[in-house]
Amino acid sequence: MMLTDEKQWTDLWENGTFLTHHIELKEKFSLYALYDFFIEVELDFKTNKIIGKGHFKAGETLDRYAGNIDINNI
């Protein structure tokens, strides 16, 4: 997270592994694995354009993907 925002995006696209999507009523998220943590990319539901990102290793954010992937195989 010490990289510039631009370098963080480049690192995600070059080295990240797409895992799954999560869709709610007005929000859409894409989950990626990168090194030893997860990156969640938030997308505008109508345009599918990126509007934000977050990173984490575990917790409630990761819990929303519990039925979509087996994180033990990552």
Protein backbone atom coordinates (compact mmCIF):
# COMPACT_ATOMS: atom_id res chain seq x y z
CA MET A 1 0.00 0.00 0.00
CA MET A 2 3.08 2.21 -0.13
CA LEU A 3 2.76 2.45 -3.90
CA THR A 4 1.04 5.30 -5.69
CA ASP A 5 -2.57 4.69 -6.64
CA GLU A 6 -1.58 4.22 -10.28
CA LYS A 7 1.09 1.64 -9.38
CA GLN A 8 -1.38 -0.18 -7.11
CA TRP A 9 -3.79 -0.59 -10.03
CA THR A 10 -0.97 -1.75 -12.32
CA ASP A 11 0.17 -4.29 -9.73
CA LEU A 12 -3.38 -5.59 -9.33
CA TRP A 13 -3.94 -6.01 -13.09
CA GLU A 14 -0.52 -7.59 -13.68
CA ASN A 15 -0.23 -9.82 -10.60
CA GLY A 16 -3.71 -10.22 -9.12
CA THR A 17 -5.92 -13.26 -9.60
CA PHE A 18 -9.62 -12.67 -10.20
CA LEU A 19 -11.73 -14.81 -7.85
CA THR A 20 -15.39 -13.86 -8.13
CA HIS A 21 -18.04 -11.14 -8.25
CA HIS A 22 -20.55 -10.13 -5.59
CA ILE A 23 -23.69 -8.27 -6.65
CA GLU A 24 -26.06 -6.39 -4.39
CA LEU A 25 -29.07 -4.22 -5.27
CA LYS A 26 -27.10 -1.15 -6.30
CA GLU A 27 -23.50 -2.32 -5.99
CA LYS A 28 -21.21 -4.75 -7.77
CA PHE A 29 -17.84 -5.92 -6.47
CA SER A 30 -15.00 -7.95 -7.95
CA LEU A 31 -12.69 -9.87 -5.64
CA TYR A 32 -9.01 -10.48 -6.43
CA ALA A 33 -6.19 -12.24 -4.59
CA LEU A 34 -2.88 -10.35 -4.60
CA TYR A 35 0.11 -11.61 -2.65
CA ASP A 36 -1.15 -12.35 0.88
CA PHE A 37 -4.32 -10.25 0.86
CA PHE A 38 -7.53 -9.62 -1.05
CA ILE A 39 -8.52 -6.61 -3.13
CA GLU A 40 -12.17 -5.72 -3.58
CA VAL A 41 -12.93 -3.49 -6.58
CA GLU A 42 -16.24 -1.62 -6.42
CA LEU A 43 -18.02 -1.07 -9.72
CA ASP A 44 -20.85 1.24 -10.71
CA PHE A 45 -23.83 -1.05 -11.23
CA LYS A 46 -25.11 0.72 -14.37
CA THR A 47 -21.85 1.58 -16.17
CA ASN A 48 -19.59 -1.19 -14.78
CA LYS A 49 -16.88 1.45 -14.25
CA ILE A 50 -14.56 1.30 -11.25
CA ILE A 51 -15.53 3.63 -8.42
CA GLY A 52 -13.29 2.37 -5.62
CA LYS A 53 -11.18 -0.36 -4.07
CA GLY A 54 -10.31 -1.76 -0.68
CA HIS A 55 -7.89 -4.32 0.72
CA PHE A 56 -8.13 -6.82 3.56
CA LYS A 57 -6.96 -10.24 4.75
CA ALA A 58 -10.13 -11.45 6.50
CA GLY A 59 -13.27 -10.24 8.20
CA GLU A 60 -16.76 -9.15 7.25
CA THR A 61 -15.80 -7.98 3.78
CA LEU A 62 -14.41 -11.39 2.90
CA ASP A 63 -17.41 -13.10 4.53
CA ARG A 64 -19.75 -11.81 1.81
CA TYR A 65 -17.93 -14.09 -0.66
CA ALA A 66 -18.12 -17.18 1.55
CA GLY A 67 -20.49 -19.13 -0.71
CA ASN A 68 -18.74 -18.20 -3.97
CA ILE A 69 -15.16 -19.42 -3.55
CA ASP A 70 -13.00 -21.78 -1.53
CA ILE A 71 -10.30 -19.43 -0.23
CA ASN A 72 -8.33 -22.40 1.12
CA ASN A 73 -7.19 -23.20 -2.43
CA ILE A 74 -5.78 -19.75 -3.15
